[in-house]
Amino acid sequence: MKLKLHHINIVSHDVPGLDAFYRDVLDLKTEPGMGAKRKLDEGYPGAVSFMTDGAIQMHLAEKDLAIGFRTGQAVNPVERGHIAFRTDDMDGFIARLKAKGIPFSDFGDWAMEGWRQIFFYDPAGTVIEVHQVEGE
């Protein structure tokens, strides 16, 4: 099973301001094609800016405290943001979490077309996403 750091998600009530900061200060660029994959009607209609340094992505997202109420999931990935990893074996990774007794929220194919996403907490309370892209 492969795991690779994919993106860091930062949340704000001012996504355009955050976007301008990362462009102006760190020279991040738009991540092409990411916006076209969004599923706006599946529980997260908030503003998002997809950026990259050429290797790692940043997803700047609008803070949304009501996701848990709309989805019935325990973990809210856009309350405080999260760190995301991509895997090539979601079932294997889920088996690892279960074997270690780590609870998680399985959002399925929720916010991004073709991405199965799960979220869980590290011991410090940081939200971790692991996702697998359909066909990879």
N, C-alpha and C. Protein backbone atom coordinates (compact mmCIF):
# COMPACT_ATOMS: atom_id res chain seq x y z
N MET A 1 0.85 -1.18 0.00
CA MET A 1 0.00 0.00 0.00
C MET A 1 0.89 1.24 0.00
N LYS A 2 0.60 2.15 -0.90
CA LYS A 2 1.32 3.41 -0.96
C LYS A 2 0.52 4.50 -0.26
N LEU A 3 1.22 5.40 0.41
CA LEU A 3 0.63 6.60 0.98
C LEU A 3 1.54 7.75 0.60
N LYS A 4 0.94 8.83 0.09
CA LYS A 4 1.74 9.98 -0.32
C LYS A 4 1.02 11.26 0.11
N LEU A 5 1.79 12.20 0.70
CA LEU A 5 1.20 13.48 1.05
C LEU A 5 0.64 14.12 -0.22
N HIS A 6 -0.63 14.52 -0.18
CA HIS A 6 -1.28 15.07 -1.36
C HIS A 6 -1.57 16.56 -1.22
N HIS A 7 -2.21 16.94 -0.10
CA HIS A 7 -2.51 18.36 0.09
C HIS A 7 -2.66 18.71 1.56
N ILE A 8 -2.56 20.00 1.79
CA ILE A 8 -2.84 20.59 3.09
C ILE A 8 -4.06 21.48 2.89
N ASN A 9 -5.05 21.31 3.75
CA ASN A 9 -6.28 22.09 3.66
C ASN A 9 -6.27 23.11 4.79
N ILE A 10 -6.45 24.37 4.41
CA ILE A 10 -6.55 25.45 5.39
C ILE A 10 -7.92 26.09 5.22
N VAL A 11 -8.61 26.35 6.33
CA VAL A 11 -9.94 26.93 6.24
C VAL A 11 -9.94 28.37 6.72
N SER A 12 -10.87 29.14 6.18
CA SER A 12 -10.98 30.56 6.49
C SER A 12 -12.38 31.03 6.13
N HIS A 13 -12.78 32.13 6.72
CA HIS A 13 -14.02 32.79 6.29
C HIS A 13 -13.74 33.70 5.10
N ASP A 14 -12.46 33.89 4.75
CA ASP A 14 -12.05 34.78 3.65
C ASP A 14 -11.14 34.02 2.68
N VAL A 15 -11.71 33.14 1.87
CA VAL A 15 -10.92 32.35 0.92
C VAL A 15 -10.21 33.24 -0.09
N PRO A 16 -10.87 34.27 -0.67
CA PRO A 16 -10.13 35.13 -1.61
C PRO A 16 -8.92 35.83 -0.98
N GLY A 17 -9.05 36.27 0.26
CA GLY A 17 -7.93 36.91 0.94
C GLY A 17 -6.80 35.93 1.21
N LEU A 18 -7.15 34.71 1.61
CA LEU A 18 -6.15 33.68 1.84
C LEU A 18 -5.45 33.30 0.53
N ASP A 19 -6.24 33.19 -0.53
CA ASP A 19 -5.70 32.89 -1.85
C ASP A 19 -4.68 33.96 -2.26
N ALA A 20 -5.04 35.22 -2.10
CA ALA A 20 -4.14 36.32 -2.47
C ALA A 20 -2.85 36.26 -1.66
N PHE A 21 -2.95 35.95 -0.38
CA PHE A 21 -1.77 35.84 0.46
C PHE A 21 -0.80 34.78 -0.07
N TYR A 22 -1.30 33.56 -0.31
CA TYR A 22 -0.42 32.48 -0.76
C TYR A 22 0.14 32.72 -2.16
N ARG A 23 -0.60 33.39 -3.01
CA ARG A 23 -0.08 33.76 -4.33
C ARG A 23 1.01 34.82 -4.21
N ASP A 24 0.72 35.87 -3.45
CA ASP A 24 1.63 37.01 -3.35
C ASP A 24 2.89 36.72 -2.54
N VAL A 25 2.74 35.98 -1.45
CA VAL A 25 3.88 35.76 -0.56
C VAL A 25 4.68 34.52 -0.94
N LEU A 26 4.00 33.44 -1.33
CA LEU A 26 4.69 32.18 -1.60
C LEU A 26 4.68 31.77 -3.07
N ASP A 27 4.14 32.62 -3.94
CA ASP A 27 4.12 32.36 -5.39
C ASP A 27 3.42 31.05 -5.77
N LEU A 28 2.42 30.63 -4.99
CA LEU A 28 1.67 29.45 -5.37
C LEU A 28 0.82 29.76 -6.59
N LYS A 29 0.54 28.73 -7.38
CA LYS A 29 -0.22 28.85 -8.62
C LYS A 29 -1.49 28.02 -8.53
N THR A 30 -2.44 28.30 -9.41
CA THR A 30 -3.68 27.52 -9.47
C THR A 30 -3.36 26.09 -9.87
N GLU A 31 -4.00 25.14 -9.19
CA GLU A 31 -3.89 23.72 -9.56
C GLU A 31 -4.93 23.46 -10.64
N PRO A 32 -4.49 23.26 -11.88
CA PRO A 32 -5.44 23.14 -12.99
C PRO A 32 -6.34 21.91 -12.87
N GLY A 33 -7.60 22.10 -13.22
CA GLY A 33 -8.55 21.00 -13.31
C GLY A 33 -9.23 20.58 -12.02
N MET A 34 -8.72 20.99 -10.88
CA MET A 34 -9.30 20.52 -9.62
C MET A 34 -10.73 21.01 -9.42
N GLY A 35 -11.01 22.26 -9.75
CA GLY A 35 -12.34 22.80 -9.54
C GLY A 35 -13.42 22.07 -10.32
N ALA A 36 -13.06 21.51 -11.46
CA ALA A 36 -14.03 20.80 -12.30
C ALA A 36 -14.49 19.49 -11.67
N LYS A 37 -13.74 18.96 -10.71
CA LYS A 37 -14.06 17.68 -10.08
C LYS A 37 -14.96 17.82 -8.85
N ARG A 38 -15.26 19.05 -8.44
CA ARG A 38 -16.04 19.26 -7.21
C ARG A 38 -17.48 18.81 -7.36
N LYS A 39 -18.02 18.29 -6.27
CA LYS A 39 -19.42 17.90 -6.18
C LYS A 39 -20.08 18.86 -5.20
N LEU A 40 -20.62 19.96 -5.71
CA LEU A 40 -21.14 21.03 -4.86
C LEU A 40 -22.40 20.65 -4.10
N ASP A 41 -23.18 19.73 -4.61
CA ASP A 41 -24.47 19.40 -3.99
C ASP A 41 -24.39 18.23 -3.02
N GLU A 42 -23.20 17.77 -2.68
CA GLU A 42 -23.05 16.60 -1.83
C GLU A 42 -22.73 16.92 -0.37
N GLY A 43 -22.90 18.15 0.05
CA GLY A 43 -22.67 18.47 1.45
C GLY A 43 -21.64 19.54 1.69
N TYR A 44 -20.86 19.93 0.65
CA TYR A 44 -19.89 21.00 0.84
C TYR A 44 -19.92 21.97 -0.33
N PRO A 45 -20.77 22.98 -0.22
CA PRO A 45 -20.89 23.97 -1.30
C PRO A 45 -19.96 25.18 -1.13
N GLY A 46 -19.10 25.17 -0.12
CA GLY A 46 -18.27 26.33 0.20
C GLY A 46 -17.24 26.67 -0.87
N ALA A 47 -16.72 27.88 -0.78
CA ALA A 47 -15.68 28.35 -1.70
C ALA A 47 -14.40 27.57 -1.44
N VAL A 48 -13.68 27.23 -2.52
CA VAL A 48 -12.40 26.54 -2.41
C VAL A 48 -11.46 27.09 -3.47
N SER A 49 -10.22 27.29 -3.10
CA SER A 49 -9.16 27.63 -4.04
C SER A 49 -8.15 26.49 -4.01
N PHE A 50 -7.84 25.93 -5.18
CA PHE A 50 -6.88 24.84 -5.29
C PHE A 50 -5.57 25.41 -5.81
N MET A 51 -4.50 25.25 -5.02
CA MET A 51 -3.21 25.85 -5.36
C MET A 51 -2.11 24.79 -5.26
N THR A 52 -0.96 25.09 -5.85
CA THR A 52 0.18 24.17 -5.78
C THR A 52 1.50 24.93 -5.88
N ASP A 53 2.53 24.30 -5.35
CA ASP A 53 3.89 24.79 -5.55
C ASP A 53 4.56 24.00 -6.66
N GLY A 54 3.80 23.11 -7.30
CA GLY A 54 4.31 22.24 -8.34
C GLY A 54 4.48 20.81 -7.88
N ALA A 55 4.47 20.60 -6.57
CA ALA A 55 4.63 19.25 -6.02
C ALA A 55 3.48 18.90 -5.08
N ILE A 56 3.22 19.76 -4.10
CA ILE A 56 2.17 19.53 -3.11
C ILE A 56 1.07 20.56 -3.32
N GLN A 57 -0.17 20.12 -3.14
CA GLN A 57 -1.30 21.04 -3.28
C GLN A 57 -1.67 21.65 -1.94
N MET A 58 -2.32 22.81 -2.03
CA MET A 58 -3.00 23.42 -0.88
C MET A 58 -4.44 23.64 -1.32
N HIS A 59 -5.37 23.27 -0.47
CA HIS A 59 -6.78 23.51 -0.72
C HIS A 59 -7.24 24.52 0.33
N LEU A 60 -7.56 25.71 -0.12
CA LEU A 60 -8.01 26.77 0.77
C LEU A 60 -9.53 26.75 0.73
N ALA A 61 -10.15 26.43 1.85
CA ALA A 61 -11.59 26.17 1.87
C ALA A 61 -12.32 27.08 2.85
N GLU A 62 -13.56 27.34 2.52
CA GLU A 62 -14.42 28.13 3.40
C GLU A 62 -14.82 27.31 4.62
N LYS A 63 -14.63 27.89 5.79
CA LYS A 63 -15.00 27.21 7.04
C LYS A 63 -16.50 26.91 7.03
N ASP A 64 -16.86 25.69 7.42
CA ASP A 64 -18.26 25.26 7.43
C ASP A 64 -18.48 24.39 8.65
N LEU A 65 -19.14 24.93 9.66
CA LEU A 65 -19.36 24.20 10.90
C LEU A 65 -20.54 23.25 10.85
N ALA A 66 -21.32 23.27 9.77
CA ALA A 66 -22.54 22.47 9.69
C ALA A 66 -22.38 21.17 8.91
N ILE A 67 -21.19 20.85 8.46
CA ILE A 67 -21.01 19.63 7.66
C ILE A 67 -21.46 18.38 8.40
N GLY A 68 -21.11 18.26 9.65
CA GLY A 68 -21.51 17.08 10.42
C GLY A 68 -23.02 16.92 10.47
N PHE A 69 -23.74 18.01 10.60
CA PHE A 69 -25.19 17.96 10.64
C PHE A 69 -25.76 17.51 9.29
N ARG A 70 -25.17 18.00 8.19
CA ARG A 70 -25.68 17.66 6.85
C ARG A 70 -25.29 16.25 6.41
N THR A 71 -24.14 15.76 6.85
CA THR A 71 -23.66 14.47 6.38
C THR A 71 -23.84 13.34 7.38
N GLY A 72 -24.05 13.67 8.66
CA GLY A 72 -24.14 12.65 9.69
C GLY A 72 -22.78 12.07 10.07
N GLN A 73 -21.69 12.71 9.66
CA GLN A 73 -20.34 12.23 9.95
C GLN A 73 -19.80 12.90 11.21
N ALA A 74 -18.98 12.17 11.96
CA ALA A 74 -18.42 12.69 13.21
C ALA A 74 -17.28 13.67 12.99
N VAL A 75 -16.49 13.48 11.94
CA VAL A 75 -15.33 14.33 11.69
C VAL A 75 -15.70 15.40 10.67
N ASN A 76 -15.40 16.65 11.00
CA ASN A 76 -15.65 17.77 10.09
C ASN A 76 -14.32 18.19 9.47
N PRO A 77 -14.11 17.92 8.17
CA PRO A 77 -12.82 18.24 7.55
C PRO A 77 -12.58 19.71 7.27
N VAL A 78 -13.61 20.54 7.36
CA VAL A 78 -13.43 21.98 7.11
C VAL A 78 -13.88 22.84 8.29
N GLU A 79 -13.69 22.30 9.48
CA GLU A 79 -13.86 23.11 10.69
C GLU A 79 -12.54 23.82 11.00
N ARG A 80 -11.44 23.04 10.99
CA ARG A 80 -10.11 23.57 11.27
C ARG A 80 -9.11 23.26 10.17
N GLY A 81 -9.52 22.54 9.15
CA GLY A 81 -8.61 22.12 8.08
C GLY A 81 -8.08 20.73 8.35
N HIS A 82 -7.23 20.25 7.43
CA HIS A 82 -6.72 18.88 7.55
C HIS A 82 -5.48 18.69 6.69
N ILE A 83 -4.82 17.57 6.91
CA ILE A 83 -3.69 17.12 6.10
C ILE A 83 -4.19 15.90 5.32
N ALA A 84 -3.89 15.83 4.02
CA ALA A 84 -4.43 14.74 3.20
C ALA A 84 -3.34 13.91 2.55
N PHE A 85 -3.58 12.60 2.56
CA PHE A 85 -2.70 11.63 1.93
C PHE A 85 -3.50 10.86 0.88
N ARG A 86 -2.83 10.49 -0.21
CA ARG A 86 -3.46 9.68 -1.25
C ARG A 86 -2.92 8.25 -1.12
N THR A 87 -3.81 7.28 -1.25
CA THR A 87 -3.42 5.88 -1.20
C THR A 87 -3.86 5.16 -2.47
N ASP A 88 -3.26 4.01 -2.70
CA ASP A 88 -3.67 3.16 -3.81
C ASP A 88 -4.44 1.94 -3.30
N ASP A 89 -4.73 1.89 -1.97
CA ASP A 89 -5.42 0.75 -1.38
C ASP A 89 -6.26 1.20 -0.19
N MET A 90 -7.40 1.80 -0.47
CA MET A 90 -8.26 2.32 0.60
C MET A 90 -8.73 1.21 1.53
N ASP A 91 -9.13 0.08 0.97
CA ASP A 91 -9.61 -1.01 1.82
C ASP A 91 -8.51 -1.49 2.76
N GLY A 92 -7.29 -1.59 2.26
CA GLY A 92 -6.17 -1.98 3.10
C GLY A 92 -5.89 -0.95 4.19
N PHE A 93 -6.01 0.33 3.84
CA PHE A 93 -5.78 1.37 4.84
C PHE A 93 -6.87 1.36 5.91
N ILE A 94 -8.11 1.16 5.50
CA ILE A 94 -9.21 1.08 6.46
C ILE A 94 -9.00 -0.12 7.40
N ALA A 95 -8.54 -1.23 6.85
CA ALA A 95 -8.25 -2.40 7.69
C ALA A 95 -7.17 -2.06 8.72
N ARG A 96 -6.18 -1.27 8.32
CA ARG A 96 -5.12 -0.85 9.25
C ARG A 96 -5.71 -0.01 10.39
N LEU A 97 -6.58 0.96 10.05
CA LEU A 97 -7.21 1.78 11.09
C LEU A 97 -8.02 0.92 12.06
N LYS A 98 -8.80 0.00 11.50
CA LYS A 98 -9.63 -0.87 12.34
C LYS A 98 -8.77 -1.73 13.25
N ALA A 99 -7.66 -2.27 12.72
CA ALA A 99 -6.77 -3.11 13.52
C ALA A 99 -6.15 -2.32 14.66
N LYS A 100 -5.96 -1.03 14.47
CA LYS A 100 -5.37 -0.17 15.49
C LYS A 100 -6.42 0.51 16.37
N GLY A 101 -7.70 0.23 16.11
CA GLY A 101 -8.78 0.80 16.91
C GLY A 101 -8.98 2.29 16.70
N ILE A 102 -8.66 2.79 15.51
CA ILE A 102 -8.79 4.22 15.23
C ILE A 102 -10.11 4.46 14.50
N PRO A 103 -11.05 5.17 15.13
CA PRO A 103 -12.32 5.46 14.46
C PRO A 103 -12.12 6.47 13.33
N PHE A 104 -13.00 6.39 12.34
CA PHE A 104 -12.90 7.27 11.18
C PHE A 104 -14.29 7.53 10.63
N SER A 105 -14.38 8.59 9.84
CA SER A 105 -15.62 8.91 9.12
C SER A 105 -15.38 8.60 7.65
N ASP A 106 -16.24 7.77 7.08
CA ASP A 106 -16.13 7.39 5.66
C ASP A 106 -17.11 8.24 4.87
N PHE A 107 -16.58 9.26 4.20
CA PHE A 107 -17.41 10.16 3.41
C PHE A 107 -17.70 9.59 2.02
N GLY A 108 -17.03 8.51 1.64
CA GLY A 108 -17.23 7.94 0.31
C GLY A 108 -16.83 8.93 -0.77
N ASP A 109 -17.52 8.87 -1.88
CA ASP A 109 -17.31 9.77 -3.03
C ASP A 109 -18.17 11.00 -2.77
N TRP A 110 -17.62 11.95 -2.00
CA TRP A 110 -18.43 13.02 -1.44
C TRP A 110 -18.16 14.38 -2.05
N ALA A 111 -16.98 14.91 -1.89
CA ALA A 111 -16.70 16.28 -2.31
C ALA A 111 -16.04 16.39 -3.67
N MET A 112 -15.32 15.35 -4.07
CA MET A 112 -14.59 15.36 -5.35
C MET A 112 -15.01 14.13 -6.15
N GLU A 113 -15.40 14.33 -7.37
CA GLU A 113 -15.82 13.24 -8.25
C GLU A 113 -14.72 12.18 -8.34
N GLY A 114 -15.08 10.94 -8.01
CA GLY A 114 -14.15 9.83 -8.14
C GLY A 114 -13.16 9.66 -7.00
N TRP A 115 -13.30 10.48 -5.94
CA TRP A 115 -12.41 10.36 -4.78
C TRP A 115 -13.17 9.73 -3.63
N ARG A 116 -12.71 8.61 -3.11
CA ARG A 116 -13.26 8.06 -1.86
C ARG A 116 -12.43 8.65 -0.74
N GLN A 117 -13.09 9.32 0.21
CA GLN A 117 -12.40 10.04 1.27
C GLN A 117 -12.82 9.53 2.65
N ILE A 118 -11.81 9.32 3.50
CA ILE A 118 -12.07 9.06 4.92
C ILE A 118 -11.31 10.11 5.72
N PHE A 119 -11.82 10.38 6.93
CA PHE A 119 -11.20 11.37 7.81
C PHE A 119 -11.13 10.80 9.22
N PHE A 120 -10.05 11.10 9.92
CA PHE A 120 -9.87 10.65 11.29
C PHE A 120 -8.95 11.64 12.00
N TYR A 121 -8.78 11.46 13.30
CA TYR A 121 -7.96 12.36 14.10
C TYR A 121 -6.64 11.69 14.48
N ASP A 122 -5.55 12.49 14.51
CA ASP A 122 -4.31 12.00 15.10
C ASP A 122 -4.41 12.24 16.61
N PRO A 123 -3.44 11.79 17.41
CA PRO A 123 -3.54 11.96 18.87
C PRO A 123 -3.59 13.42 19.33
N ALA A 124 -3.13 14.37 18.49
CA ALA A 124 -3.18 15.79 18.86
C ALA A 124 -4.48 16.46 18.42
N GLY A 125 -5.36 15.71 17.75
CA GLY A 125 -6.62 16.27 17.29
C GLY A 125 -6.58 16.84 15.88
N THR A 126 -5.48 16.66 15.18
CA THR A 126 -5.39 17.10 13.79
C THR A 126 -6.23 16.17 12.92
N VAL A 127 -7.01 16.74 12.02
CA VAL A 127 -7.81 15.93 11.10
C VAL A 127 -6.90 15.44 9.97
N ILE A 128 -6.95 14.14 9.71
CA ILE A 128 -6.20 13.52 8.63
C ILE A 128 -7.21 12.99 7.61
N GLU A 129 -6.98 13.28 6.35
CA GLU A 129 -7.75 12.69 5.25
C GLU A 129 -6.88 11.67 4.56
N VAL A 130 -7.46 10.55 4.20
CA VAL A 130 -6.85 9.61 3.26
C VAL A 130 -7.88 9.40 2.17
N HIS A 131 -7.42 9.51 0.93
CA HIS A 131 -8.34 9.30 -0.19
C HIS A 131 -7.70 8.43 -1.26
N GLN A 132 -8.57 7.81 -2.03
CA GLN A 132 -8.15 7.04 -3.19
C GLN A 132 -8.96 7.53 -4.37
N VAL A 133 -8.29 7.72 -5.49
CA VAL A 133 -8.94 8.18 -6.70
C VAL A 133 -9.34 6.95 -7.51
N GLU A 134 -10.60 6.92 -7.93
CA GLU A 134 -11.12 5.82 -8.73
C GLU A 134 -10.25 5.57 -9.94
N GLY A 135 -9.88 4.32 -10.16
CA GLY A 135 -9.08 3.96 -11.31
C GLY A 135 -7.58 4.02 -11.08
N GLU A 136 -7.15 4.50 -9.92
CA GLU A 136 -5.70 4.54 -9.63
C GLU A 136 -5.29 3.38 -8.77
